[in-house]
Full PDB file with SEQRES, HELIX, SHEET, SSBOND, CRYST1, ORIGX, SCALE, CONECT and MASTER records, all heavy atoms in Angstrom:
SEQRES   1 A   35  ALA GLU ALA ILE ASP SER GLU GLY TRP LEU HIS THR GLY          
SEQRES   2 A   35  ASP ILE GLY PHE ILE ASP PRO LYS ASN GLY CYS ILE ARG          
SEQRES   3 A   35  ILE THR GLY ARG GLN LYS SER MET ILE                          
SHEET    1 AA1 2 ASP A  14  ILE A  18  0                                        
SHEET    2 AA1 2 ILE A  25  ARG A  30 -1                                        
CRYST1    1.000    1.000    1.000  90.00  90.00  90.00 P 1           1          
ORIGX1      1.000000  0.000000  0.000000        0.00000                         
ORIGX2      0.000000  1.000000  0.000000        0.00000                         
ORIGX3      0.000000  0.000000  1.000000        0.00000                         
SCALE1      1.000000  0.000000  0.000000        0.00000                         
SCALE2      0.000000  1.000000  0.000000        0.00000                         
SCALE3      0.000000  0.000000  1.000000        0.00000                         
ATOM      1  N   ALA A   1       5.994   6.788 -26.428  1.00  0.00           N  
ATOM      2  CA  ALA A   1       5.524   8.178 -26.543  1.00  0.00           C  
ATOM      3  C   ALA A   1       6.223   9.088 -25.536  1.00  0.00           C  
ATOM      4  O   ALA A   1       6.463  10.267 -25.810  1.00  0.00           O  
ATOM      5  CB  ALA A   1       4.013   8.224 -26.342  1.00  0.00           C  
ATOM      6  N   GLU A   2       6.546   8.550 -24.360  1.00  0.00           N  
ATOM      7  CA  GLU A   2       7.263   9.330 -23.351  1.00  0.00           C  
ATOM      8  C   GLU A   2       8.700   9.590 -23.775  1.00  0.00           C  
ATOM      9  O   GLU A   2       9.276  10.629 -23.471  1.00  0.00           O  
ATOM     10  CB  GLU A   2       7.263   8.577 -22.014  1.00  0.00           C  
ATOM     11  CG  GLU A   2       5.911   8.546 -21.318  1.00  0.00           C  
ATOM     12  CD  GLU A   2       5.962   7.740 -20.030  1.00  0.00           C  
ATOM     13  OE1 GLU A   2       7.065   7.309 -19.644  1.00  0.00           O  
ATOM     14  OE2 GLU A   2       4.894   7.541 -19.412  1.00  0.00           O  
ATOM     15  N   ALA A   3       9.301   8.623 -24.480  1.00  0.00           N  
ATOM     16  CA  ALA A   3      10.712   8.729 -24.859  1.00  0.00           C  
ATOM     17  C   ALA A   3      10.933   9.557 -26.111  1.00  0.00           C  
ATOM     18  O   ALA A   3      11.893  10.323 -26.200  1.00  0.00           O  
ATOM     19  CB  ALA A   3      11.296   7.329 -25.047  1.00  0.00           C  
ATOM     20  N   ILE A   4      10.055   9.408 -27.124  1.00  0.00           N  
ATOM     21  CA  ILE A   4      10.230  10.102 -28.407  1.00  0.00           C  
ATOM     22  C   ILE A   4       9.072  11.064 -28.622  1.00  0.00           C  
ATOM     23  O   ILE A   4       7.914  10.652 -28.675  1.00  0.00           O  
ATOM     24  CB  ILE A   4      10.292   9.092 -29.571  1.00  0.00           C  
ATOM     25  CG1 ILE A   4      11.384   8.048 -29.320  1.00  0.00           C  
ATOM     26  CG2 ILE A   4      10.549   9.822 -30.889  1.00  0.00           C  
ATOM     27  CD1 ILE A   4      11.429   6.937 -30.363  1.00  0.00           C  
ATOM     28  N   ASP A   5       9.381  12.359 -28.736  1.00  0.00           N  
ATOM     29  CA  ASP A   5       8.304  13.340 -28.875  1.00  0.00           C  
ATOM     30  C   ASP A   5       7.829  13.457 -30.318  1.00  0.00           C  
ATOM     31  O   ASP A   5       8.328  12.771 -31.216  1.00  0.00           O  
ATOM     32  CB  ASP A   5       8.718  14.705 -28.311  1.00  0.00           C  
ATOM     33  CG  ASP A   5       9.877  15.360 -29.059  1.00  0.00           C  
ATOM     34  OD1 ASP A   5      10.028  15.099 -30.271  1.00  0.00           O  
ATOM     35  OD2 ASP A   5      10.624  16.144 -28.447  1.00  0.00           O  
ATOM     36  N   SER A   6       6.874  14.339 -30.549  1.00  0.00           N  
ATOM     37  CA  SER A   6       6.240  14.478 -31.868  1.00  0.00           C  
ATOM     38  C   SER A   6       7.194  14.970 -32.941  1.00  0.00           C  
ATOM     39  O   SER A   6       6.945  14.795 -34.140  1.00  0.00           O  
ATOM     40  CB  SER A   6       5.036  15.425 -31.770  1.00  0.00           C  
ATOM     41  OG  SER A   6       5.448  16.709 -31.302  1.00  0.00           O  
ATOM     42  N   GLU A   7       8.306  15.581 -32.541  1.00  0.00           N  
ATOM     43  CA  GLU A   7       9.281  16.088 -33.505  1.00  0.00           C  
ATOM     44  C   GLU A   7      10.416  15.093 -33.741  1.00  0.00           C  
ATOM     45  O   GLU A   7      11.389  15.402 -34.432  1.00  0.00           O  
ATOM     46  CB  GLU A   7       9.841  17.427 -33.030  1.00  0.00           C  
ATOM     47  CG  GLU A   7       8.789  18.534 -32.985  1.00  0.00           C  
ATOM     48  CD  GLU A   7       9.377  19.869 -32.558  1.00  0.00           C  
ATOM     49  OE1 GLU A   7      10.599  19.907 -32.252  1.00  0.00           O  
ATOM     50  OE2 GLU A   7       8.641  20.850 -32.520  1.00  0.00           O  
ATOM     51  N   GLY A   8      10.310  13.912 -33.142  1.00  0.00           N  
ATOM     52  CA  GLY A   8      11.318  12.882 -33.355  1.00  0.00           C  
ATOM     53  C   GLY A   8      12.510  12.926 -32.420  1.00  0.00           C  
ATOM     54  O   GLY A   8      13.478  12.188 -32.594  1.00  0.00           O  
ATOM     55  N   TRP A   9      12.443  13.790 -31.398  1.00  0.00           N  
ATOM     56  CA  TRP A   9      13.558  13.888 -30.448  1.00  0.00           C  
ATOM     57  C   TRP A   9      13.433  12.795 -29.384  1.00  0.00           C  
ATOM     58  O   TRP A   9      12.385  12.649 -28.757  1.00  0.00           O  
ATOM     59  CB  TRP A   9      13.568  15.245 -29.743  1.00  0.00           C  
ATOM     60  CG  TRP A   9      13.968  16.404 -30.596  1.00  0.00           C  
ATOM     61  CD1 TRP A   9      13.137  17.326 -31.158  1.00  0.00           C  
ATOM     62  CD2 TRP A   9      15.293  16.750 -30.984  1.00  0.00           C  
ATOM     63  NE1 TRP A   9      13.862  18.236 -31.876  1.00  0.00           N  
ATOM     64  CE2 TRP A   9      15.193  17.916 -31.788  1.00  0.00           C  
ATOM     65  CE3 TRP A   9      16.558  16.202 -30.734  1.00  0.00           C  
ATOM     66  CZ2 TRP A   9      16.312  18.529 -32.340  1.00  0.00           C  
ATOM     67  CZ3 TRP A   9      17.675  16.815 -31.291  1.00  0.00           C  
ATOM     68  CH2 TRP A   9      17.546  17.969 -32.083  1.00  0.00           C  
ATOM     69  N   LEU A  10      14.499  12.040 -29.194  1.00  0.00           N  
ATOM     70  CA  LEU A  10      14.553  11.052 -28.123  1.00  0.00           C  
ATOM     71  C   LEU A  10      15.013  11.743 -26.848  1.00  0.00           C  
ATOM     72  O   LEU A  10      16.072  12.378 -26.816  1.00  0.00           O  
ATOM     73  CB  LEU A  10      15.529   9.925 -28.461  1.00  0.00           C  
ATOM     74  CG  LEU A  10      15.780   8.914 -27.335  1.00  0.00           C  
ATOM     75  CD1 LEU A  10      14.568   8.008 -27.151  1.00  0.00           C  
ATOM     76  CD2 LEU A  10      17.035   8.094 -27.595  1.00  0.00           C  
ATOM     77  N   HIS A  11      14.217  11.648 -25.795  1.00  0.00           N  
ATOM     78  CA  HIS A  11      14.581  12.219 -24.502  1.00  0.00           C  
ATOM     79  C   HIS A  11      15.374  11.169 -23.721  1.00  0.00           C  
ATOM     80  O   HIS A  11      14.824  10.173 -23.259  1.00  0.00           O  
ATOM     81  CB  HIS A  11      13.317  12.634 -23.745  1.00  0.00           C  
ATOM     82  CG  HIS A  11      12.598  13.775 -24.390  1.00  0.00           C  
ATOM     83  ND1 HIS A  11      12.469  15.017 -23.803  1.00  0.00           N  
ATOM     84  CD2 HIS A  11      11.991  13.877 -25.602  1.00  0.00           C  
ATOM     85  CE1 HIS A  11      11.812  15.825 -24.610  1.00  0.00           C  
ATOM     86  NE2 HIS A  11      11.505  15.150 -25.715  1.00  0.00           N  
ATOM     87  N   THR A  12      16.686  11.394 -23.599  1.00  0.00           N  
ATOM     88  CA  THR A  12      17.598  10.369 -23.086  1.00  0.00           C  
ATOM     89  C   THR A  12      17.529  10.157 -21.578  1.00  0.00           C  
ATOM     90  O   THR A  12      17.887   9.091 -21.087  1.00  0.00           O  
ATOM     91  CB  THR A  12      19.055  10.718 -23.443  1.00  0.00           C  
ATOM     92  OG1 THR A  12      19.444  11.915 -22.728  1.00  0.00           O  
ATOM     93  CG2 THR A  12      19.204  10.938 -24.942  1.00  0.00           C  
ATOM     94  N   GLY A  13      17.109  11.195 -20.853  1.00  0.00           N  
ATOM     95  CA  GLY A  13      17.126  11.096 -19.397  1.00  0.00           C  
ATOM     96  C   GLY A  13      18.490  11.437 -18.817  1.00  0.00           C  
ATOM     97  O   GLY A  13      18.660  11.510 -17.598  1.00  0.00           O  
ATOM     98  N   ASP A  14      19.467  11.690 -19.686  1.00  0.00           N  
ATOM     99  CA  ASP A  14      20.800  12.109 -19.243  1.00  0.00           C  
ATOM    100  C   ASP A  14      20.871  13.631 -19.209  1.00  0.00           C  
ATOM    101  O   ASP A  14      20.287  14.311 -20.045  1.00  0.00           O  
ATOM    102  CB  ASP A  14      21.881  11.571 -20.191  1.00  0.00           C  
ATOM    103  CG  ASP A  14      22.013  10.062 -20.107  1.00  0.00           C  
ATOM    104  OD1 ASP A  14      22.064   9.537 -18.986  1.00  0.00           O  
ATOM    105  OD2 ASP A  14      22.061   9.405 -21.171  1.00  0.00           O  
ATOM    106  N   ILE A  15      21.608  14.141 -18.233  1.00  0.00           N  
ATOM    107  CA  ILE A  15      21.776  15.588 -18.081  1.00  0.00           C  
ATOM    108  C   ILE A  15      23.184  15.983 -18.505  1.00  0.00           C  
ATOM    109  O   ILE A  15      24.163  15.312 -18.173  1.00  0.00           O  
ATOM    110  CB  ILE A  15      21.547  16.012 -16.613  1.00  0.00           C  
ATOM    111  CG1 ILE A  15      20.158  15.580 -16.137  1.00  0.00           C  
ATOM    112  CG2 ILE A  15      21.716  17.528 -16.464  1.00  0.00           C  
ATOM    113  CD1 ILE A  15      19.015  16.217 -16.878  1.00  0.00           C  
ATOM    114  N   GLY A  16      23.287  17.068 -19.251  1.00  0.00           N  
ATOM    115  CA  GLY A  16      24.592  17.539 -19.677  1.00  0.00           C  
ATOM    116  C   GLY A  16      24.511  18.927 -20.263  1.00  0.00           C  
ATOM    117  O   GLY A  16      23.463  19.574 -20.227  1.00  0.00           O  
ATOM    118  N   PHE A  17      25.641  19.384 -20.820  1.00  0.00           N  
ATOM    119  CA  PHE A  17      25.660  20.700 -21.467  1.00  0.00           C  
ATOM    120  C   PHE A  17      26.713  20.694 -22.564  1.00  0.00           C  
ATOM    121  O   PHE A  17      27.589  19.809 -22.604  1.00  0.00           O  
ATOM    122  CB  PHE A  17      25.932  21.822 -20.461  1.00  0.00           C  
ATOM    123  CG  PHE A  17      27.305  21.770 -19.824  1.00  0.00           C  
ATOM    124  CD1 PHE A  17      28.361  22.507 -20.340  1.00  0.00           C  
ATOM    125  CD2 PHE A  17      27.527  20.982 -18.703  1.00  0.00           C  
ATOM    126  CE1 PHE A  17      29.622  22.464 -19.751  1.00  0.00           C  
ATOM    127  CE2 PHE A  17      28.782  20.931 -18.097  1.00  0.00           C  
ATOM    128  CZ  PHE A  17      29.827  21.674 -18.626  1.00  0.00           C  
ATOM    129  N   ILE A  18      26.599  21.644 -23.466  1.00  0.00           N  
ATOM    130  CA  ILE A  18      27.578  21.786 -24.542  1.00  0.00           C  
ATOM    131  C   ILE A  18      28.557  22.877 -24.149  1.00  0.00           C  
ATOM    132  O   ILE A  18      28.173  24.029 -23.920  1.00  0.00           O  
ATOM    133  CB  ILE A  18      26.882  22.125 -25.874  1.00  0.00           C  
ATOM    134  CG1 ILE A  18      25.946  20.978 -26.283  1.00  0.00           C  
ATOM    135  CG2 ILE A  18      27.915  22.377 -26.973  1.00  0.00           C  
ATOM    136  CD1 ILE A  18      25.118  21.265 -27.517  1.00  0.00           C  
ATOM    137  N   ASP A  19      29.813  22.502 -24.026  1.00  0.00           N  
ATOM    138  CA  ASP A  19      30.855  23.443 -23.618  1.00  0.00           C  
ATOM    139  C   ASP A  19      31.053  24.491 -24.713  1.00  0.00           C  
ATOM    140  O   ASP A  19      31.424  24.154 -25.841  1.00  0.00           O  
ATOM    141  CB  ASP A  19      32.164  22.679 -23.385  1.00  0.00           C  
ATOM    142  CG  ASP A  19      33.207  23.519 -22.659  1.00  0.00           C  
ATOM    143  OD1 ASP A  19      33.199  24.753 -22.838  1.00  0.00           O  
ATOM    144  OD2 ASP A  19      34.024  22.935 -21.924  1.00  0.00           O  
ATOM    145  N   PRO A  20      30.788  25.778 -24.416  1.00  0.00           N  
ATOM    146  CA  PRO A  20      30.912  26.827 -25.443  1.00  0.00           C  
ATOM    147  C   PRO A  20      32.339  27.015 -25.942  1.00  0.00           C  
ATOM    148  O   PRO A  20      32.552  27.552 -27.035  1.00  0.00           O  
ATOM    149  CB  PRO A  20      30.406  28.088 -24.714  1.00  0.00           C  
ATOM    150  CG  PRO A  20      30.554  27.793 -23.261  1.00  0.00           C  
ATOM    151  CD  PRO A  20      30.344  26.326 -23.116  1.00  0.00           C  
ATOM    152  N   LYS A  21      33.342  26.539 -25.175  1.00  0.00           N  
ATOM    153  CA  LYS A  21      34.748  26.707 -25.573  1.00  0.00           C  
ATOM    154  C   LYS A  21      35.112  25.835 -26.772  1.00  0.00           C  
ATOM    155  O   LYS A  21      35.898  26.241 -27.626  1.00  0.00           O  
ATOM    156  CB  LYS A  21      35.670  26.376 -24.402  1.00  0.00           C  
ATOM    157  CG  LYS A  21      35.531  27.310 -23.212  1.00  0.00           C  
ATOM    158  CD  LYS A  21      36.477  26.874 -22.094  1.00  0.00           C  
ATOM    159  CE  LYS A  21      36.329  27.762 -20.862  1.00  0.00           C  
ATOM    160  NZ  LYS A  21      37.220  27.295 -19.747  1.00  0.00           N  
ATOM    161  N   ASN A  22      34.556  24.635 -26.809  1.00  0.00           N  
ATOM    162  CA  ASN A  22      34.971  23.698 -27.856  1.00  0.00           C  
ATOM    163  C   ASN A  22      33.810  22.964 -28.530  1.00  0.00           C  
ATOM    164  O   ASN A  22      34.028  22.140 -29.418  1.00  0.00           O  
ATOM    165  CB  ASN A  22      35.948  22.669 -27.283  1.00  0.00           C  
ATOM    166  CG  ASN A  22      35.474  22.110 -25.946  1.00  0.00           C  
ATOM    167  OD1 ASN A  22      34.303  21.779 -25.799  1.00  0.00           O  
ATOM    168  ND2 ASN A  22      36.380  22.022 -24.974  1.00  0.00           N  
ATOM    169  N   GLY A  23      32.588  23.253 -28.097  1.00  0.00           N  
ATOM    170  CA  GLY A  23      31.427  22.603 -28.685  1.00  0.00           C  
ATOM    171  C   GLY A  23      31.265  21.147 -28.300  1.00  0.00           C  
ATOM    172  O   GLY A  23      30.441  20.434 -28.881  1.00  0.00           O  
ATOM    173  N   CYS A  24      32.049  20.697 -27.319  1.00  0.00           N  
ATOM    174  CA  CYS A  24      31.977  19.306 -26.884  1.00  0.00           C  
ATOM    175  C   CYS A  24      30.889  19.115 -25.832  1.00  0.00           C  
ATOM    176  O   CYS A  24      30.565  20.038 -25.072  1.00  0.00           O  
ATOM    177  CB  CYS A  24      33.317  18.843 -26.320  1.00  0.00           C  
ATOM    178  SG  CYS A  24      34.603  18.679 -27.575  1.00  0.00           S  
ATOM    179  N   ILE A  25      30.353  17.912 -25.789  1.00  0.00           N  
ATOM    180  CA  ILE A  25      29.269  17.593 -24.850  1.00  0.00           C  
ATOM    181  C   ILE A  25      29.849  17.049 -23.556  1.00  0.00           C  
ATOM    182  O   ILE A  25      30.670  16.141 -23.566  1.00  0.00           O  
ATOM    183  CB  ILE A  25      28.313  16.551 -25.477  1.00  0.00           C  
ATOM    184  CG1 ILE A  25      27.756  17.080 -26.797  1.00  0.00           C  
ATOM    185  CG2 ILE A  25      27.197  16.207 -24.508  1.00  0.00           C  
ATOM    186  CD1 ILE A  25      27.141  16.011 -27.663  1.00  0.00           C  
ATOM    187  N   ARG A  26      29.392  17.614 -22.461  1.00  0.00           N  
ATOM    188  CA  ARG A  26      29.790  17.123 -21.141  1.00  0.00           C  
ATOM    189  C   ARG A  26      28.550  16.568 -20.442  1.00  0.00           C  
ATOM    190  O   ARG A  26      27.536  17.252 -20.339  1.00  0.00           O  
ATOM    191  CB  ARG A  26      30.410  18.239 -20.290  1.00  0.00           C  
ATOM    192  CG  ARG A  26      31.769  18.713 -20.798  1.00  0.00           C  
ATOM    193  CD  ARG A  26      32.392  19.750 -19.881  1.00  0.00           C  
ATOM    194  NE  ARG A  26      33.660  20.230 -20.395  1.00  0.00           N  
ATOM    195  CZ  ARG A  26      34.846  19.683 -20.118  1.00  0.00           C  
ATOM    196  NH1 ARG A  26      34.892  18.638 -19.295  1.00  0.00           N  
ATOM    197  NH2 ARG A  26      35.955  20.170 -20.619  1.00  0.00           N  
ATOM    198  N   ILE A  27      28.645  15.356 -19.973  1.00  0.00           N  
ATOM    199  CA  ILE A  27      27.520  14.711 -19.284  1.00  0.00           C  
ATOM    200  C   ILE A  27      27.748  14.805 -17.778  1.00  0.00           C  
ATOM    201  O   ILE A  27      28.824  14.453 -17.282  1.00  0.00           O  
ATOM    202  CB  ILE A  27      27.385  13.241 -19.721  1.00  0.00           C  
ATOM    203  CG1 ILE A  27      27.141  13.184 -21.228  1.00  0.00           C  
ATOM    204  CG2 ILE A  27      26.258  12.555 -18.966  1.00  0.00           C  
ATOM    205  CD1 ILE A  27      27.165  11.800 -21.804  1.00  0.00           C  
ATOM    206  N   THR A  28      26.741  15.276 -17.073  1.00  0.00           N  
ATOM    207  CA  THR A  28      26.904  15.503 -15.628  1.00  0.00           C  
ATOM    208  C   THR A  28      26.115  14.521 -14.764  1.00  0.00           C  
ATOM    209  O   THR A  28      26.423  14.366 -13.580  1.00  0.00           O  
ATOM    210  CB  THR A  28      26.492  16.941 -15.261  1.00  0.00           C  
ATOM    211  OG1 THR A  28      25.164  17.187 -15.753  1.00  0.00           O  
ATOM    212  CG2 THR A  28      27.444  17.950 -15.874  1.00  0.00           C  
ATOM    213  N   GLY A  29      25.109  13.871 -15.313  1.00  0.00           N  
ATOM    214  CA  GLY A  29      24.355  12.925 -14.481  1.00  0.00           C  
ATOM    215  C   GLY A  29      23.082  12.448 -15.147  1.00  0.00           C  
ATOM    216  O   GLY A  29      22.839  12.708 -16.332  1.00  0.00           O  
ATOM    217  N   ARG A  30      22.293  11.717 -14.377  1.00  0.00           N  
ATOM    218  CA  ARG A  30      21.017  11.196 -14.852  1.00  0.00           C  
ATOM    219  C   ARG A  30      19.883  12.001 -14.241  1.00  0.00           C  
ATOM    220  O   ARG A  30      19.927  12.381 -13.065  1.00  0.00           O  
ATOM    221  CB  ARG A  30      20.849   9.728 -14.445  1.00  0.00           C  
ATOM    222  CG  ARG A  30      21.656   8.755 -15.245  1.00  0.00           C  
ATOM    223  CD  ARG A  30      21.084   8.528 -16.621  1.00  0.00           C  
ATOM    224  NE  ARG A  30      19.768   7.877 -16.590  1.00  0.00           N  
ATOM    225  CZ  ARG A  30      18.989   7.765 -17.652  1.00  0.00           C  
ATOM    226  NH1 ARG A  30      19.362   8.269 -18.808  1.00  0.00           N  
ATOM    227  NH2 ARG A  30      17.807   7.163 -17.562  1.00  0.00           N  
ATOM    228  N   GLN A  31      18.854  12.264 -15.035  1.00  0.00           N  
ATOM    229  CA  GLN A  31      17.706  13.041 -14.567  1.00  0.00           C  
ATOM    230  C   GLN A  31      17.039  12.379 -13.364  1.00  0.00           C  
ATOM    231  O   GLN A  31      16.671  13.037 -12.394  1.00  0.00           O  
ATOM    232  CB  GLN A  31      16.711  13.189 -15.712  1.00  0.00           C  
ATOM    233  CG  GLN A  31      15.638  14.246 -15.495  1.00  0.00           C  
ATOM    234  CD  GLN A  31      14.807  14.446 -16.736  1.00  0.00           C  
ATOM    235  OE1 GLN A  31      14.376  13.492 -17.374  1.00  0.00           O  
ATOM    236  NE2 GLN A  31      14.591  15.700 -17.120  1.00  0.00           N  
ATOM    237  N   LYS A  32      16.920  11.052 -13.401  1.00  0.00           N  
ATOM    238  CA  LYS A  32      16.236  10.337 -12.335  1.00  0.00           C  
ATOM    239  C   LYS A  32      17.031  10.292 -11.039  1.00  0.00           C  
ATOM    240  O   LYS A  32      16.462  10.156  -9.957  1.00  0.00           O  
ATOM    241  CB  LYS A  32      15.898   8.908 -12.789  1.00  0.00           C  
ATOM    242  CG  LYS A  32      14.817   8.853 -13.850  1.00  0.00           C  
ATOM    243  CD  LYS A  32      14.479   7.419 -14.225  1.00  0.00           C  
ATOM    244  CE  LYS A  32      13.367   7.366 -15.267  1.00  0.00           C  
ATOM    245  NZ  LYS A  32      13.044   5.977 -15.663  1.00  0.00           N  
ATOM    246  N   SER A  33      18.351  10.395 -11.131  1.00  0.00           N  
ATOM    247  CA  SER A  33      19.172  10.331  -9.915  1.00  0.00           C  
ATOM    248  C   SER A  33      19.484  11.711  -9.340  1.00  0.00           C  
ATOM    249  O   SER A  33      20.057  11.832  -8.261  1.00  0.00           O  
ATOM    250  CB  SER A  33      20.488   9.592 -10.202  1.00  0.00           C  
ATOM    251  OG  SER A  33      21.267  10.315 -11.138  1.00  0.00           O  
ATOM    252  N   MET A  34      19.095  12.771 -10.062  1.00  0.00           N  
ATOM    253  CA  MET A  34      19.382  14.143  -9.629  1.00  0.00           C  
ATOM    254  C   MET A  34      18.703  14.456  -8.290  1.00  0.00           C  
ATOM    255  O   MET A  34      17.539  14.126  -8.070  1.00  0.00           O  
ATOM    256  CB  MET A  34      18.901  15.112 -10.706  1.00  0.00           C  
ATOM    257  CG  MET A  34      19.137  16.588 -10.397  1.00  0.00           C  
ATOM    258  SD  MET A  34      18.682  17.624 -11.814  1.00  0.00           S  
ATOM    259  CE  MET A  34      16.903  17.361 -11.882  1.00  0.00           C  
ATOM    260  N   ILE A  35      19.444  15.086  -7.379  1.00  0.00           N  
ATOM    261  CA  ILE A  35      18.930  15.472  -6.063  1.00  0.00           C  
ATOM    262  C   ILE A  35      18.694  16.984  -6.063  1.00  0.00           C  
ATOM    263  O   ILE A  35      19.614  17.755  -6.345  1.00  0.00           O  
ATOM    264  CB  ILE A  35      19.927  15.104  -4.944  1.00  0.00           C  
ATOM    265  CG1 ILE A  35      20.245  13.600  -4.979  1.00  0.00           C  
ATOM    266  CG2 ILE A  35      19.392  15.503  -3.583  1.00  0.00           C  
ATOM    267  CD1 ILE A  35      21.440  13.219  -4.115  1.00  0.00           C  
TER     268      ILE A  35                                                      
MASTER        0    0    0    0    2    0    0    6  267    1    0    3          
END                                                                             
């Protein structure tokens, strides 16, 4: 229940963003290791 929400989204625990220049995903780190 913590990992998959009511809408079916899996919360990966990984942090990243979608680069607006090319639509590619960049991963920057893990939520648990973030300082």
